[in-house]
Amino acid sequence: EYMGHFLSVYFFSCFPLFSPMSDLTMKKRTPSDFLNSVIGRPVVVKLNSGVDYRGILACLDGYMNIGMEQTEEYKNGVLTNKYGDCCIRGNNVLYISTIRRLR
C-alpha cells in the first residue's frame, strides 16, 4: 500500500499534465504544516512502547517534544490514567494522529 502511494505521487509529479487532480489538491504539505494545523485540537500520540496518550495538543518543538492538555493514558486500549497537563519527550513518539470529532 505504501509503495502504491509512492508510485502514484512519483507518477503525478513527473507527468503533471495528465493528473486528474486540480492544482488546489496538489499543494504540497509538510509534516510541520500538519502539526501546526492540529495545535489546539484533539490528538492521539502513540509511543514506541505502545502506550497511547489522548488529549489536546498544546504545543510542540523542533525535537517533537509535545505538550498536551486534558490527557488520558491508554494501555492496550484501556484507560489507565488521566492527567491535566502532560509533557512527552519527542524521541519516544511513534506517531501523532488527529481524533475525529463526533457530530
Protein backbone atom coordinates (compact mmCIF):
# COMPACT_ATOMS: atom_id res chain seq x y z
CA GLU A 1 0.00 0.00 0.00
CA TYR A 2 2.80 2.42 0.89
CA MET A 3 4.66 1.68 -2.33
CA GLY A 4 1.49 2.25 -4.35
CA HIS A 5 1.10 5.69 -2.80
CA PHE A 6 4.75 6.45 -3.57
CA LEU A 7 4.35 5.40 -7.20
CA SER A 8 1.22 7.50 -7.69
CA VAL A 9 2.94 10.55 -6.18
CA TYR A 10 6.01 9.91 -8.37
CA PHE A 11 3.87 9.48 -11.48
CA PHE A 12 1.85 12.66 -10.94
CA SER A 13 4.92 14.71 -10.12
CA CYS A 14 6.62 13.55 -13.32
CA PHE A 15 3.56 13.97 -15.53
CA PRO A 16 1.53 16.85 -14.10
CA LEU A 17 -0.35 17.44 -17.37
CA PHE A 18 -2.06 14.05 -17.05
CA SER A 19 -3.02 14.48 -13.42
CA PRO A 20 -6.76 14.13 -12.76
CA MET A 21 -6.36 16.27 -9.62
CA SER A 22 -6.78 20.01 -9.67
CA ASP A 23 -3.99 22.40 -8.69
CA LEU A 24 -5.75 23.07 -5.37
CA THR A 25 -5.46 19.44 -4.24
CA MET A 26 -1.84 19.14 -5.38
CA LYS A 27 -0.44 21.65 -2.86
CA LYS A 28 2.48 20.11 -1.03
CA ARG A 29 2.15 19.92 2.74
CA THR A 30 4.99 19.05 5.04
CA PRO A 31 4.71 17.22 8.37
CA SER A 32 5.34 20.59 10.04
CA ASP A 33 2.31 22.02 8.25
CA PHE A 34 0.19 19.16 9.59
CA LEU A 35 1.49 19.53 13.15
CA ASN A 36 0.95 23.30 13.17
CA SER A 37 -2.60 22.81 11.88
CA VAL A 38 -3.56 20.43 14.73
CA ILE A 39 -2.36 22.58 17.65
CA GLY A 40 -5.35 23.12 19.89
CA ARG A 41 -7.16 20.06 18.53
CA PRO A 42 -7.66 16.55 19.97
CA VAL A 43 -4.87 14.13 19.04
CA VAL A 44 -3.61 10.63 19.78
CA VAL A 45 0.11 10.31 20.48
CA LYS A 46 1.39 6.74 20.18
CA LEU A 47 4.67 5.98 21.91
CA ASN A 48 7.27 3.40 20.90
CA SER A 49 6.23 1.40 24.00
CA GLY A 50 2.69 1.01 22.62
CA VAL A 51 1.07 3.41 25.12
CA ASP A 52 -1.40 5.95 23.70
CA TYR A 53 -1.97 9.43 25.05
CA ARG A 54 -5.14 11.22 24.00
CA GLY A 55 -5.74 14.88 24.63
CA ILE A 56 -5.48 18.41 23.27
CA LEU A 57 -2.18 19.24 21.56
CA ALA A 58 -0.99 22.40 23.31
CA CYS A 59 2.49 22.85 21.86
CA LEU A 60 5.48 21.13 20.32
CA ASP A 61 9.01 21.98 19.32
CA GLY A 62 11.52 21.03 16.62
CA TYR A 63 12.53 17.88 18.51
CA MET A 64 8.86 16.83 18.60
CA ASN A 65 8.66 17.28 22.36
CA ILE A 66 4.94 17.54 22.99
CA GLY A 67 2.79 19.42 25.47
CA MET A 68 -0.78 18.18 25.90
CA GLU A 69 -3.80 19.19 27.99
CA GLN A 70 -6.70 17.05 29.28
CA THR A 71 -4.55 13.99 28.68
CA GLU A 72 -5.67 10.39 29.09
CA GLU A 73 -3.30 7.41 29.07
CA TYR A 74 -4.36 4.17 27.38
CA LYS A 75 -2.55 0.82 27.57
CA ASN A 76 -3.85 -1.91 25.28
CA GLY A 77 -6.90 0.25 24.60
CA VAL A 78 -7.82 0.53 28.29
CA LEU A 79 -7.89 3.88 30.09
CA THR A 80 -5.26 3.68 32.85
CA ASN A 81 -4.75 7.27 33.98
CA LYS A 82 -5.88 10.87 33.49
CA TYR A 83 -3.56 13.87 33.63
CA GLY A 84 -4.29 17.57 33.45
CA ASP A 85 -1.17 18.58 31.54
CA CYS A 86 1.40 16.24 30.07
CA CYS A 87 4.86 16.58 28.53
CA ILE A 88 6.18 13.85 26.23
CA ARG A 89 9.78 13.65 25.10
CA GLY A 90 9.96 13.60 21.32
CA ASN A 91 12.24 10.58 20.90
CA ASN A 92 9.54 8.36 22.45
CA VAL A 93 6.88 9.31 19.86
CA LEU A 94 5.96 6.80 17.18
CA TYR A 95 3.23 8.93 15.60
CA ILE A 96 0.71 11.72 16.15
CA SER A 97 -2.80 11.38 14.76
CA THR A 98 -5.89 13.56 14.90
CA ILE A 99 -9.08 12.38 16.55
CA ARG A 100 -12.25 12.81 14.55
CA ARG A 101 -14.81 14.91 16.32
CA LEU A 102 -18.24 13.38 16.80
CA ARG A 103 -21.09 15.40 15.32
